[in-house]
Amino acid sequence: MTQYSDIQFTQDHVVSDDGRVVFACSTDHEAWPWLALHPFDPIVVQSINFWASVETGKARGTFDTSKWSALTQTEWLCGDQDVSHATHGIASAFGEDGTGRYALSFFDKDDRLVYKMSGKGVVFQNRDFESWRQKEKTKIAPPSISDFQYADAKKVGVSSQLESFIAPLVQGDVLAAEALITKENGFIPQHPSHSGSGDHVNANHLADVARQFLCQHIGKAPIIITSGEMEFHRYVELGRPFHIHLAGEDSARETVSMTVHQADHLCATITMRYWTA
């Protein structure tokens, strides 16, 4: 999207001739409240993914902040369980003009690998983005938000009831749950950690909902997500309910796949691998 902060999560960029960018990471908890979470929390992973990919693209000169863009796919792998938050990293880009795909590696203060990530996106070159998005938002009637029954915070592994985004699981043809994220509960200051464009439900929100689904499904909270992949097909609108469905699982490998739907449209597919204490 085109909403970017005046402050930067990645700093001290050094750009090589081949386009590789070496950078430092901010450790300012006031500027980035999600740094108070576990390093592997999907909120942290997807927030870092967004800011680092955008900021290193800007440093490289391959990311145009005047155009609207969207993430279409991302995957990540976390390091050893005892690593701390990232303090520095390396970014690379592949494809024509460095805009096809990006890769990020992050390391902690002891130079241990915290994450390896990659992803790709799309840039809206000609579309009147604002008008198109406004029309899309009005296609789904808003619900009575006060009637939505969110799952208990302890069952979805969050510290306060305001952080629960998902209803209790329902077993139908497939295991599923309804979720609802609004402009209020999905963003700072009401939510202690989440930020985003404010235009739609962002990748960090969907990853958080998927983790909350897993906590209920597995029956343990919290759980640690050790790797994952997400593909995005359509925007999920804020203030409108959506559903997350169990699509498949391999309990031996602690892997679960999920799909996200809104208004009968497939919006995203999510696969996560997890660890329980």
Protein backbone atom coordinates (compact mmCIF):
# COMPACT_ATOMS: atom_id res chain seq x y z
CA MET A 1 0.00 0.00 0.00
CA THR A 2 1.06 3.65 0.03
CA GLN A 3 0.72 4.35 3.77
CA TYR A 4 4.25 4.37 5.19
CA SER A 5 5.64 5.50 8.51
CA ASP A 6 8.02 8.42 8.88
CA ILE A 7 10.20 6.19 11.05
CA GLN A 8 11.98 3.12 9.73
CA PHE A 9 12.32 -0.34 11.21
CA THR A 10 15.42 -1.08 9.12
CA GLN A 11 18.32 1.36 9.37
CA ASP A 12 21.90 2.00 8.23
CA HIS A 13 21.33 0.45 4.80
CA VAL A 14 24.38 -0.54 2.78
CA VAL A 15 23.53 -1.34 -0.84
CA SER A 16 25.90 -3.51 -2.87
CA ASP A 17 26.36 -3.31 -6.65
CA ASP A 18 24.39 -6.55 -7.03
CA GLY A 19 21.40 -5.03 -5.17
CA ARG A 20 21.96 -6.81 -1.88
CA VAL A 21 21.11 -4.62 1.12
CA VAL A 22 22.68 -5.06 4.56
CA PHE A 23 20.79 -3.32 7.34
CA ALA A 24 20.30 -2.91 11.09
CA CYS A 25 16.93 -3.41 12.83
CA SER A 26 15.29 -1.05 15.28
CA THR A 27 14.98 -2.19 18.89
CA ASP A 28 12.66 0.69 19.87
CA HIS A 29 9.63 -0.89 21.60
CA GLU A 30 7.80 2.42 21.73
CA ALA A 31 7.99 2.83 17.96
CA TRP A 32 7.34 -0.87 17.26
CA PRO A 33 5.13 -2.26 20.09
CA TRP A 34 5.09 -5.77 18.58
CA LEU A 35 8.73 -6.16 19.66
CA ALA A 36 7.30 -7.00 23.10
CA LEU A 37 5.94 -10.27 21.65
CA HIS A 38 7.79 -13.54 21.15
CA PRO A 39 10.13 -13.24 18.12
CA PHE A 40 8.23 -16.01 16.30
CA ASP A 41 4.76 -14.54 16.87
CA PRO A 42 3.15 -14.17 13.41
CA ILE A 43 2.40 -10.52 14.18
CA VAL A 44 6.14 -9.90 14.53
CA VAL A 45 7.06 -12.02 11.52
CA GLN A 46 4.60 -10.35 9.14
CA SER A 47 5.26 -6.84 10.46
CA ILE A 48 9.00 -7.30 9.92
CA ASN A 49 8.32 -8.85 6.53
CA PHE A 50 6.37 -5.78 5.41
CA TRP A 51 8.66 -3.05 6.73
CA ALA A 52 11.93 -4.72 5.75
CA SER A 53 10.82 -5.57 2.21
CA VAL A 54 9.49 -2.07 1.60
CA GLU A 55 12.37 -0.20 3.21
CA THR A 56 15.15 -2.22 1.60
CA GLY A 57 13.34 -1.89 -1.74
CA LYS A 58 13.33 1.88 -1.27
CA ALA A 59 17.03 1.83 -0.35
CA ARG A 60 17.74 -0.20 -3.49
CA GLY A 61 15.62 2.13 -5.61
CA THR A 62 13.29 -0.63 -6.83
CA PHE A 63 10.19 0.15 -4.75
CA ASP A 64 7.97 3.01 -5.91
CA THR A 65 6.02 4.38 -2.92
CA SER A 66 3.84 6.50 -5.23
CA LYS A 67 2.04 3.37 -6.49
CA TRP A 68 -0.34 1.06 -4.66
CA SER A 69 0.94 -2.47 -4.17
CA ALA A 70 -0.12 -5.72 -2.55
CA LEU A 71 1.64 -8.80 -1.22
CA THR A 72 0.53 -11.93 -3.09
CA GLN A 73 2.69 -14.65 -1.50
CA THR A 74 5.11 -15.02 1.37
CA GLU A 75 6.86 -17.80 3.25
CA TRP A 76 9.09 -17.90 6.31
CA LEU A 77 11.25 -20.22 8.39
CA CYS A 78 12.22 -19.42 11.98
CA GLY A 79 15.54 -20.27 13.60
CA ASP A 80 16.30 -22.10 16.85
CA GLN A 81 13.83 -21.75 19.71
CA ASP A 82 16.21 -19.75 21.93
CA VAL A 83 17.04 -16.90 19.52
CA SER A 84 16.16 -13.34 20.45
CA HIS A 85 14.67 -10.54 18.33
CA ALA A 86 16.45 -9.61 15.12
CA THR A 87 19.08 -6.88 15.27
CA HIS A 88 20.36 -6.97 11.66
CA GLY A 89 19.75 -8.61 8.32
CA ILE A 90 20.35 -8.99 4.59
CA ALA A 91 17.87 -8.41 1.74
CA SER A 92 18.08 -9.57 -1.87
CA ALA A 93 15.72 -9.10 -4.83
CA PHE A 94 15.26 -11.18 -7.96
CA GLY A 95 13.60 -10.64 -11.32
CA GLU A 96 13.48 -7.74 -13.74
CA ASP A 97 14.64 -4.51 -12.11
CA GLY A 98 14.72 -6.36 -8.79
CA THR A 99 10.92 -6.26 -8.48
CA GLY A 100 10.02 -9.92 -9.08
CA ARG A 101 10.71 -11.46 -5.69
CA TYR A 102 12.53 -10.57 -2.51
CA ALA A 103 14.39 -12.61 0.12
CA LEU A 104 15.23 -11.56 3.67
CA SER A 105 17.45 -13.08 6.34
CA PHE A 106 17.49 -11.78 9.92
CA PHE A 107 19.97 -12.40 12.74
CA ASP A 108 19.98 -11.68 16.47
CA LYS A 109 22.60 -9.93 18.60
CA ASP A 110 24.62 -13.16 18.75
CA ASP A 111 24.49 -13.49 14.95
CA ARG A 112 22.11 -16.48 15.12
CA LEU A 113 19.52 -16.87 12.38
CA VAL A 114 16.10 -15.61 13.50
CA TYR A 115 14.19 -15.86 10.21
CA LYS A 116 14.54 -16.55 6.53
CA MET A 117 11.68 -15.03 4.49
CA SER A 118 10.74 -14.50 0.89
CA GLY A 119 7.76 -13.13 -0.97
CA LYS A 120 6.38 -11.45 -4.03
CA GLY A 121 3.77 -8.83 -4.78
CA VAL A 122 1.92 -6.90 -7.43
CA VAL A 123 1.96 -3.18 -8.24
CA PHE A 124 -1.25 -1.54 -9.45
CA GLN A 125 0.09 0.48 -12.35
CA ASN A 126 -3.03 1.92 -14.00
CA ARG A 127 -6.07 1.13 -11.85
CA ASP A 128 -7.87 3.93 -9.98
CA PHE A 129 -7.13 2.11 -6.76
CA GLU A 130 -9.08 4.29 -4.34
CA SER A 131 -12.32 4.23 -6.35
CA TRP A 132 -12.02 0.50 -7.00
CA ARG A 133 -11.44 -0.27 -3.33
CA GLN A 134 -14.37 1.90 -2.21
CA LYS A 135 -16.72 -0.02 -4.51
CA GLU A 136 -15.42 -3.35 -3.22
CA LYS A 137 -15.96 -2.35 0.41
CA THR A 138 -19.64 -1.59 -0.15
CA LYS A 139 -20.41 -4.99 -1.70
CA ILE A 140 -20.58 -6.71 1.72
CA ALA A 141 -23.19 -5.47 4.20
CA PRO A 142 -21.69 -4.65 7.62
CA PRO A 143 -22.79 -6.88 10.50
CA SER A 144 -23.94 -5.96 13.98
CA ILE A 145 -20.46 -5.88 15.46
CA SER A 146 -21.74 -5.74 19.04
CA ASP A 147 -23.32 -9.20 18.59
CA PHE A 148 -20.11 -10.95 17.50
CA GLN A 149 -18.98 -13.58 20.02
CA TYR A 150 -15.20 -13.72 20.20
CA ALA A 151 -13.47 -16.77 21.66
CA ASP A 152 -11.99 -16.58 25.13
CA ALA A 153 -8.56 -14.93 25.13
CA LYS A 154 -6.88 -17.84 26.93
CA LYS A 155 -8.12 -20.34 24.33
CA VAL A 156 -6.60 -18.35 21.45
CA GLY A 157 -3.33 -17.53 23.22
CA VAL A 158 -3.66 -13.76 23.62
CA SER A 159 -3.20 -11.66 26.74
CA SER A 160 -6.47 -9.70 26.63
CA GLN A 161 -9.97 -10.23 25.29
CA LEU A 162 -9.56 -7.25 22.93
CA GLU A 163 -6.91 -9.25 21.04
CA SER A 164 -9.25 -12.13 20.19
CA PHE A 165 -10.30 -11.91 16.53
CA ILE A 166 -12.03 -15.26 16.11
CA ALA A 167 -15.18 -17.01 17.34
CA PRO A 168 -15.18 -20.53 18.83
CA LEU A 169 -14.66 -23.32 16.30
CA VAL A 170 -17.67 -24.98 14.70
CA GLN A 171 -17.62 -28.50 13.28
CA GLY A 172 -19.67 -28.70 10.08
CA ASP A 173 -18.61 -30.28 6.81
CA VAL A 174 -15.20 -28.89 7.75
CA LEU A 175 -13.87 -27.38 10.96
CA ALA A 176 -14.29 -23.62 10.70
CA ALA A 177 -14.61 -20.39 12.63
CA GLU A 178 -15.92 -16.93 11.92
CA ALA A 179 -13.60 -13.96 12.44
CA LEU A 180 -14.14 -10.23 12.54
CA ILE A 181 -11.51 -7.49 12.48
CA THR A 182 -12.53 -3.84 12.54
CA LYS A 183 -10.69 -0.55 12.21
CA GLU A 184 -10.89 -0.34 15.99
CA ASN A 185 -9.95 -3.76 17.35
CA GLY A 186 -7.42 -4.45 14.58
CA PHE A 187 -5.09 -1.51 15.14
CA ILE A 188 -3.16 0.42 17.74
CA PRO A 189 -4.22 1.89 20.18
CA GLN A 190 -7.09 -0.55 20.91
CA HIS A 191 -4.94 -3.48 19.87
CA PRO A 192 -1.52 -3.36 21.58
CA SER A 193 0.52 -4.64 18.64
CA HIS A 194 -1.22 -4.59 15.26
CA SER A 195 -0.72 -1.87 12.66
CA GLY A 196 -1.34 -1.79 8.92
CA SER A 197 -2.74 0.13 6.00
CA GLY A 198 -6.22 0.57 7.48
CA ASP A 199 -7.66 -0.20 4.06
CA HIS A 200 -8.22 -3.94 4.57
CA VAL A 201 -7.34 -6.90 6.78
CA ASN A 202 -3.56 -7.15 6.38
CA ALA A 203 -1.19 -10.13 6.26
CA ASN A 204 -0.25 -9.73 9.93
CA HIS A 205 -3.96 -9.91 10.88
CA LEU A 206 -4.58 -13.04 8.82
CA ALA A 207 -1.50 -14.75 10.25
CA ASP A 208 -2.72 -13.90 13.75
CA VAL A 209 -6.19 -15.29 13.00
CA ALA A 210 -4.62 -18.50 11.68
CA ARG A 211 -2.57 -18.88 14.87
CA GLN A 212 -5.72 -18.30 16.97
CA PHE A 213 -7.52 -20.97 14.92
CA LEU A 214 -4.65 -23.39 15.59
CA CYS A 215 -4.68 -22.70 19.34
CA GLN A 216 -8.33 -23.73 19.49
CA HIS A 217 -7.95 -26.68 17.13
CA ILE A 218 -4.90 -28.13 18.88
CA GLY A 219 -6.28 -27.32 22.31
CA LYS A 220 -3.09 -25.72 23.57
CA ALA A 221 -2.28 -22.06 23.95
CA PRO A 222 0.04 -20.49 23.31
CA ILE A 223 1.73 -22.36 20.49
CA ILE A 224 4.89 -21.36 18.62
CA ILE A 225 4.71 -21.04 14.83
CA THR A 226 8.03 -22.18 13.41
CA SER A 227 7.39 -21.69 9.68
CA GLY A 228 4.62 -20.97 7.25
CA GLU A 229 3.39 -19.84 3.87
CA MET A 230 0.53 -17.58 2.83
CA GLU A 231 -0.98 -16.88 -0.59
CA PHE A 232 -3.38 -13.99 -1.11
CA HIS A 233 -6.10 -14.07 -3.78
CA ARG A 234 -8.51 -11.29 -2.72
CA TYR A 235 -8.62 -8.55 -0.13
CA VAL A 236 -10.40 -9.34 3.14
CA GLU A 237 -12.51 -6.32 4.10
CA LEU A 238 -12.37 -4.73 7.55
CA GLY A 239 -15.56 -4.63 9.58
CA ARG A 240 -17.05 -7.57 7.67
CA PRO A 241 -17.04 -11.15 8.95
CA PHE A 242 -14.91 -13.76 7.24
CA HIS A 243 -14.33 -17.48 7.78
CA ILE A 244 -11.25 -19.61 8.27
CA HIS A 245 -11.53 -23.31 7.41
CA LEU A 246 -9.34 -26.31 8.16
CA ALA A 247 -8.04 -27.50 4.78
CA GLY A 248 -5.67 -30.27 5.83
CA GLU A 249 -3.24 -31.35 8.53
CA ASP A 250 -0.30 -33.62 9.24
CA SER A 251 -0.17 -34.11 12.99
CA ALA A 252 3.10 -36.05 12.80
CA ARG A 253 4.77 -33.04 11.20
CA GLU A 254 2.74 -30.52 13.23
CA THR A 255 1.53 -28.87 10.04
CA VAL A 256 -1.92 -27.40 9.39
CA SER A 257 -3.35 -25.81 6.22
CA MET A 258 -6.24 -23.35 6.30
CA THR A 259 -8.29 -21.31 3.84
CA VAL A 260 -9.81 -17.87 4.37
CA HIS A 261 -13.15 -16.98 2.78
CA GLN A 262 -15.29 -13.86 2.71
CA ALA A 263 -18.65 -13.50 0.94
CA ASP A 264 -18.18 -16.94 -0.67
CA HIS A 265 -14.83 -15.97 -2.20
CA LEU A 266 -11.51 -17.68 -1.49
CA CYS A 267 -9.28 -14.90 -0.19
CA ALA A 268 -6.17 -16.64 1.13
CA THR A 269 -4.53 -19.98 1.82
CA ILE A 270 -2.33 -20.39 4.88
CA THR A 271 -0.05 -23.24 5.96
CA MET A 272 1.69 -23.18 9.32
CA ARG A 273 4.06 -25.50 11.13
CA TYR A 274 4.02 -25.24 14.89
CA TRP A 275 5.61 -26.34 18.12
CA THR A 276 3.92 -26.94 21.47
CA ALA A 277 5.63 -26.97 24.85
